[in-house]
Amino acid sequence: MAIRVEWSMKELVKMIKEKIKLKYDCVIFISGLTGSSKSTLAWRLLHQFPDFEVNKQLTYSRKKTIDLITNQKLGYCWNDELWDSAFRRHFFQSAQISLISSLVKYRNNRNIFIGCIPTFSSLDKELVKLCSLHINCVERGKCILHFPLAGRMFNDDSFDTKHNQKQEEKWSAKKQKNPNFKIPYSKYSTYAGEMRFSKLPRKQEEYYERLKETKRAESLAESNPEVSNPETTFYDKIIPLIKEGMTEPTLKMMCMFNNKSYVSARARINQILRDEGELTLNHYLKKVNTQVKSEDLKGIE
């Protein structure tokens, strides 16, 4: 029977540093459902490295991700929503091929790459092959570590997907019969242990949320529309973000990036919301104190 192993953040950081000493990148994917604290874990892990610069090395853009991979050595790249850049059903897209090619070609740059995704199985198969560590956030503040299996010459499924899927099917059936059934994570063939981590302090959480909105706005501005009507693309992308609680300064920034009048955009957004039977824009816009004191961000950057 596999032994349950408790990891500390310090031990995980040490393991990553040892991987880098082998003169290769350390590619980490953090999976988990919405609200399972994937971003919190990525933030806490990367801030264990004193030279990590969240303003420069956090991104939501595939283009920026490729830039960080290719033009850094002993650097960092955190794509907080990698699913949009590396979905397995988009394997034919030239930009996705370029992303994978960059990770392979520049794997000797000894970077630490972290991608946050909803499910590990949704990743492009070629990216799974590059994975050094898969961390699955099973609940807030708790994650399971998975290492790829070694010594598989003729089987490219280093994370033993079929076996682990069968385990999950058994656990799901038991969970339906007994809601109190505790999942024995150590039964995963790729199981390497478990780790607990705490939530971010309030000021860091608020700073992260503001930074996320800014980075998303930059990514939206540089993305190439995949439909013929750019107006439709802009509003299709921005309204879900508004419903998540966007701030007014961020909305203004997005309008500026996309060469749109803020007044006209507000009118159009309100019209779309009314047509959908939703509340008005003012209901969704988050009210925040945009004045942040420098001492409040101490230890963040």
Protein backbone atom coordinates (compact mmCIF):
# COMPACT_ATOMS: atom_id res chain seq x y z
CA MET A 1 0.00 0.00 0.00
CA ALA A 2 1.27 3.46 -0.90
CA ILE A 3 2.35 5.60 2.03
CA ARG A 4 0.68 8.96 2.57
CA VAL A 5 3.34 11.67 2.38
CA GLU A 6 2.89 15.19 3.72
CA TRP A 7 4.88 17.82 1.84
CA SER A 8 5.77 21.29 3.04
CA MET A 9 6.14 24.29 0.74
CA LYS A 10 9.83 24.39 1.66
CA GLU A 11 10.30 20.78 0.52
CA LEU A 12 8.50 21.45 -2.76
CA VAL A 13 10.69 24.48 -3.47
CA LYS A 14 13.81 22.41 -2.75
CA MET A 15 12.65 19.73 -5.19
CA ILE A 16 12.05 22.33 -7.92
CA LYS A 17 15.51 23.82 -7.37
CA GLU A 18 17.05 20.35 -7.70
CA LYS A 19 15.21 19.88 -10.99
CA ILE A 20 16.60 23.18 -12.29
CA LYS A 21 20.12 22.07 -11.36
CA LEU A 22 19.76 19.33 -13.99
CA LYS A 23 19.82 22.19 -16.53
CA TYR A 24 16.24 21.78 -17.67
CA ASP A 25 13.02 23.73 -17.18
CA CYS A 26 10.62 22.67 -14.44
CA VAL A 27 7.15 22.49 -16.02
CA ILE A 28 4.31 22.44 -13.46
CA PHE A 29 0.58 22.25 -14.11
CA ILE A 30 -1.87 23.12 -11.34
CA SER A 31 -5.38 21.76 -11.91
CA GLY A 32 -8.62 22.13 -10.02
CA LEU A 33 -12.19 23.33 -10.25
CA THR A 34 -13.08 27.01 -10.03
CA GLY A 35 -12.57 28.19 -6.47
CA SER A 36 -10.15 25.42 -5.51
CA SER A 37 -7.34 27.99 -4.93
CA LYS A 38 -5.12 27.12 -7.91
CA SER A 39 -3.97 30.74 -8.25
CA THR A 40 -3.36 31.03 -4.51
CA LEU A 41 -1.06 28.02 -4.65
CA ALA A 42 0.79 29.36 -7.72
CA TRP A 43 1.22 32.74 -6.02
CA ARG A 44 2.49 31.22 -2.78
CA LEU A 45 4.85 28.83 -4.57
CA LEU A 46 6.42 31.38 -6.91
CA HIS A 47 6.84 33.96 -4.15
CA GLN A 48 9.17 31.50 -2.43
CA PHE A 49 11.70 32.55 -5.11
CA PRO A 50 13.01 36.06 -4.27
CA ASP A 51 13.65 37.04 -7.90
CA PHE A 52 10.12 36.23 -9.09
CA GLU A 53 8.42 39.41 -10.41
CA VAL A 54 4.68 38.92 -10.53
CA ASN A 55 4.06 42.12 -12.52
CA LYS A 56 6.29 40.86 -15.34
CA GLN A 57 5.95 37.09 -15.11
CA LEU A 58 2.20 36.57 -14.58
CA THR A 59 0.30 36.39 -17.86
CA TYR A 60 -2.98 35.33 -19.46
CA SER A 61 -1.58 35.61 -22.98
CA ARG A 62 -0.20 32.82 -25.15
CA LYS A 63 2.00 35.33 -26.98
CA LYS A 64 3.47 36.62 -23.71
CA THR A 65 3.91 33.05 -22.47
CA ILE A 66 6.00 32.18 -25.51
CA ASP A 67 8.02 35.38 -25.03
CA LEU A 68 8.80 34.52 -21.39
CA ILE A 69 9.75 30.94 -22.28
CA THR A 70 12.11 31.91 -25.08
CA ASN A 71 13.70 35.09 -23.75
CA GLN A 72 14.46 34.17 -20.14
CA LYS A 73 17.07 32.02 -18.48
CA LEU A 74 16.57 30.95 -14.86
CA GLY A 75 13.34 32.92 -15.01
CA TYR A 76 9.65 32.33 -14.38
CA CYS A 77 6.42 32.15 -16.34
CA TRP A 78 2.99 31.84 -14.72
CA ASN A 79 0.06 31.49 -17.11
CA ASP A 80 -2.94 31.74 -14.81
CA GLU A 81 -5.44 30.49 -17.42
CA LEU A 82 -3.45 28.10 -19.58
CA TRP A 83 -6.56 26.21 -20.69
CA ASP A 84 -7.28 28.89 -23.29
CA SER A 85 -3.75 28.50 -24.71
CA ALA A 86 -3.28 24.75 -24.50
CA PHE A 87 -6.65 23.01 -24.90
CA ARG A 88 -6.11 19.57 -26.41
CA ARG A 89 -8.87 20.07 -29.01
CA HIS A 90 -6.94 23.05 -30.38
CA PHE A 91 -3.82 20.99 -31.12
CA PHE A 92 -3.94 22.06 -34.78
CA GLN A 93 -3.70 25.81 -34.09
CA SER A 94 -0.38 27.28 -35.19
CA ALA A 95 -0.09 29.42 -32.04
CA GLN A 96 -0.55 26.36 -29.81
CA ILE A 97 2.05 24.46 -31.83
CA SER A 98 4.42 27.42 -31.34
CA LEU A 99 3.84 27.30 -27.57
CA ILE A 100 4.73 23.61 -27.36
CA SER A 101 7.67 24.06 -29.73
CA SER A 102 9.02 26.87 -27.54
CA LEU A 103 8.85 24.75 -24.40
CA VAL A 104 10.74 21.96 -26.16
CA LYS A 105 13.29 24.11 -27.97
CA TYR A 106 14.16 26.28 -24.97
CA ARG A 107 13.88 23.63 -22.25
CA ASN A 108 17.54 24.22 -21.34
CA ASN A 109 16.79 27.78 -20.25
CA ARG A 110 16.10 26.38 -16.75
CA ASN A 111 12.90 28.36 -16.29
CA ILE A 112 10.11 27.53 -13.87
CA PHE A 113 6.87 27.35 -15.84
CA ILE A 114 3.49 27.13 -14.09
CA GLY A 115 0.18 26.77 -15.91
CA CYS A 116 -3.21 26.77 -14.14
CA ILE A 117 -5.88 24.59 -15.76
CA PRO A 118 -9.36 23.24 -14.81
CA THR A 119 -8.57 19.59 -15.57
CA PHE A 120 -5.32 17.82 -16.38
CA SER A 121 -7.04 15.69 -19.02
CA SER A 122 -7.93 18.81 -21.05
CA LEU A 123 -4.26 19.59 -21.73
CA ASP A 124 -2.68 19.10 -25.11
CA LYS A 125 -1.07 15.64 -25.08
CA GLU A 126 2.32 17.01 -26.09
CA LEU A 127 2.31 19.39 -23.12
CA VAL A 128 1.53 16.51 -20.75
CA LYS A 129 4.73 14.83 -21.97
CA LEU A 130 6.72 17.89 -20.87
CA CYS A 131 5.18 18.00 -17.39
CA SER A 132 7.59 17.63 -14.46
CA LEU A 133 4.91 17.85 -11.78
CA HIS A 134 1.11 17.87 -11.74
CA ILE A 135 -0.52 19.44 -8.69
CA ASN A 136 -4.25 18.88 -8.28
CA CYS A 137 -6.09 21.21 -5.89
CA VAL A 138 -8.81 18.93 -4.49
CA GLU A 139 -10.20 21.58 -2.15
CA ARG A 140 -9.28 25.02 -0.84
CA GLY A 141 -5.89 24.79 0.82
CA LYS A 142 -5.25 21.14 -0.03
CA CYS A 143 -3.52 19.65 -3.07
CA ILE A 144 -2.24 16.29 -4.30
CA LEU A 145 1.18 16.00 -5.97
CA HIS A 146 1.64 13.71 -8.96
CA PHE A 147 4.98 12.75 -10.51
CA PRO A 148 5.24 11.17 -13.98
CA LEU A 149 6.10 7.48 -14.05
CA ALA A 150 9.64 6.72 -15.17
CA GLY A 151 10.97 3.99 -17.44
CA ARG A 152 8.15 3.88 -19.99
CA MET A 153 9.78 3.31 -23.35
CA PHE A 154 6.73 2.38 -25.44
CA ASN A 155 3.95 4.12 -23.53
CA ASP A 156 3.80 7.92 -23.78
CA ASP A 157 1.16 8.20 -21.03
CA SER A 158 3.58 8.98 -18.21
CA PHE A 159 0.72 10.01 -15.90
CA ASP A 160 -1.02 6.61 -16.21
CA THR A 161 -4.33 8.14 -17.25
CA LYS A 162 -6.28 4.92 -17.85
CA HIS A 163 -5.36 3.37 -14.50
CA ASN A 164 -6.12 6.53 -12.55
CA GLN A 165 -9.42 7.05 -14.39
CA LYS A 166 -10.51 3.55 -13.35
CA GLN A 167 -9.65 4.37 -9.74
CA GLU A 168 -11.78 7.52 -9.93
CA GLU A 169 -14.73 5.58 -11.39
CA LYS A 170 -14.60 3.19 -8.42
CA TRP A 171 -14.41 6.08 -5.94
CA SER A 172 -17.30 7.86 -7.65
CA ALA A 173 -19.51 4.77 -7.29
CA LYS A 174 -18.59 4.44 -3.61
CA LYS A 175 -19.22 8.14 -3.05
CA GLN A 176 -22.75 7.80 -4.45
CA LYS A 177 -23.49 4.97 -2.03
CA ASN A 178 -21.77 6.66 0.91
CA PRO A 179 -21.42 10.49 0.84
CA ASN A 180 -18.91 10.23 3.72
CA PHE A 181 -16.52 8.07 1.71
CA LYS A 182 -12.99 9.46 1.92
CA ILE A 183 -11.04 9.28 -1.33
CA PRO A 184 -7.77 7.35 -0.87
CA TYR A 185 -5.61 9.60 -3.04
CA SER A 186 -2.56 7.45 -2.37
CA LYS A 187 -4.08 4.80 -4.67
CA TYR A 188 -3.19 6.95 -7.68
CA SER A 189 -0.22 5.32 -9.41
CA THR A 190 1.34 8.78 -9.86
CA TYR A 191 0.71 9.85 -6.24
CA ALA A 192 3.69 11.61 -4.65
CA GLY A 193 2.06 13.10 -1.56
CA GLU A 194 -0.20 15.85 -0.27
CA MET A 195 0.33 19.44 0.78
CA ARG A 196 -1.70 22.05 2.61
CA PHE A 197 -1.38 25.78 2.14
CA SER A 198 -3.07 28.86 3.55
CA LYS A 199 -5.03 31.57 1.78
CA LEU A 200 -3.43 34.90 0.86
CA PRO A 201 -3.52 37.86 3.22
CA ARG A 202 -6.32 40.28 2.30
CA LYS A 203 -4.04 42.97 0.79
CA GLN A 204 -2.21 40.43 -1.36
CA GLU A 205 -5.53 38.95 -2.50
CA GLU A 206 -6.81 42.39 -3.48
CA TYR A 207 -3.58 43.19 -5.29
CA TYR A 208 -3.74 39.89 -7.19
CA GLU A 209 -7.34 40.59 -8.27
CA ARG A 210 -6.42 44.03 -9.63
CA LEU A 211 -3.36 42.65 -11.39
CA LYS A 212 -5.43 39.83 -12.89
CA GLU A 213 -7.88 42.28 -14.41
CA THR A 214 -5.08 44.35 -15.91
CA LYS A 215 -3.32 41.31 -17.36
CA ARG A 216 -6.57 39.97 -18.78
CA ALA A 217 -7.19 43.33 -20.43
CA GLU A 218 -3.74 43.23 -22.03
CA SER A 219 -4.33 39.69 -23.28
CA LEU A 220 -7.71 40.63 -24.75
CA ALA A 221 -6.19 43.61 -26.49
CA GLU A 222 -3.49 41.60 -28.25
CA SER A 223 -5.54 38.52 -29.14
CA ASN A 224 -6.57 37.98 -32.74
CA PRO A 225 -10.38 37.76 -33.18
CA GLU A 226 -11.45 34.37 -34.54
CA VAL A 227 -14.74 35.63 -35.91
CA SER A 228 -15.37 38.15 -38.63
CA ASN A 229 -17.15 40.72 -36.43
CA PRO A 230 -14.70 42.35 -33.97
CA GLU A 231 -17.55 44.07 -32.13
CA THR A 232 -19.12 40.71 -31.31
CA THR A 233 -15.74 39.36 -30.18
CA PHE A 234 -15.08 42.26 -27.81
CA TYR A 235 -18.44 42.13 -26.07
CA ASP A 236 -18.60 38.33 -26.02
CA LYS A 237 -15.31 38.30 -24.13
CA ILE A 238 -15.80 41.28 -21.86
CA ILE A 239 -19.31 40.64 -20.51
CA PRO A 240 -18.38 37.38 -18.68
CA LEU A 241 -15.49 39.27 -17.06
CA ILE A 242 -17.89 42.06 -16.02
CA LYS A 243 -20.19 39.51 -14.40
CA GLU A 244 -17.23 38.19 -12.40
CA GLY A 245 -16.88 41.62 -10.79
CA MET A 246 -14.73 43.87 -12.97
CA THR A 247 -13.78 47.31 -11.70
CA GLU A 248 -14.66 50.49 -13.59
CA PRO A 249 -10.97 51.49 -14.11
CA THR A 250 -10.33 48.10 -15.73
CA LEU A 251 -13.34 48.48 -18.02
CA LYS A 252 -12.06 51.88 -19.10
CA MET A 253 -8.63 50.36 -19.76
CA MET A 254 -10.12 47.56 -21.88
CA CYS A 255 -12.06 50.09 -23.92
CA MET A 256 -8.91 52.14 -24.45
CA PHE A 257 -6.91 49.06 -25.50
CA ASN A 258 -9.60 48.18 -28.04
CA ASN A 259 -10.04 51.73 -29.39
CA LYS A 260 -13.59 52.03 -28.13
CA SER A 261 -15.40 54.99 -26.61
CA TYR A 262 -16.07 54.22 -22.96
CA VAL A 263 -19.47 55.97 -23.07
CA SER A 264 -20.53 54.07 -26.20
CA ALA A 265 -19.25 50.77 -24.80
CA ARG A 266 -21.23 51.27 -21.59
CA ALA A 267 -24.39 51.89 -23.59
CA ARG A 268 -23.81 48.78 -25.73
CA ILE A 269 -23.04 46.60 -22.68
CA ASN A 270 -26.19 47.78 -20.91
CA GLN A 271 -28.22 47.01 -24.03
CA ILE A 272 -26.80 43.46 -24.22
CA LEU A 273 -27.43 42.89 -20.51
CA ARG A 274 -31.04 44.07 -20.87
CA ASP A 275 -31.56 41.80 -23.88
CA GLU A 276 -30.29 38.87 -21.80
CA GLY A 277 -32.62 39.78 -18.95
CA GLU A 278 -29.66 40.67 -16.72
CA LEU A 279 -29.11 43.54 -14.29
CA THR A 280 -27.46 46.80 -15.34
CA LEU A 281 -23.73 47.35 -15.72
CA ASN A 282 -23.55 49.38 -12.50
CA HIS A 283 -24.78 46.35 -10.57
CA TYR A 284 -21.82 44.25 -11.70
CA LEU A 285 -18.99 46.78 -11.58
CA LYS A 286 -17.00 46.17 -8.42
CA LYS A 287 -16.33 49.18 -6.24
CA VAL A 288 -12.75 49.17 -4.96
CA ASN A 289 -10.37 51.60 -3.39
CA THR A 290 -7.86 52.17 -6.18
CA GLN A 291 -5.45 54.06 -3.88
CA VAL A 292 -2.95 51.48 -2.68
CA LYS A 293 -0.24 52.49 -0.29
CA SER A 294 3.24 51.22 -1.09
CA GLU A 295 3.59 49.65 2.36
CA ASP A 296 0.44 47.61 1.71
CA LEU A 297 2.27 45.76 -1.05
CA LYS A 298 5.34 44.96 1.00
CA GLY A 299 6.34 41.39 0.33
CA ILE A 300 4.17 41.14 -2.78
CA GLU A 301 6.57 42.13 -5.50
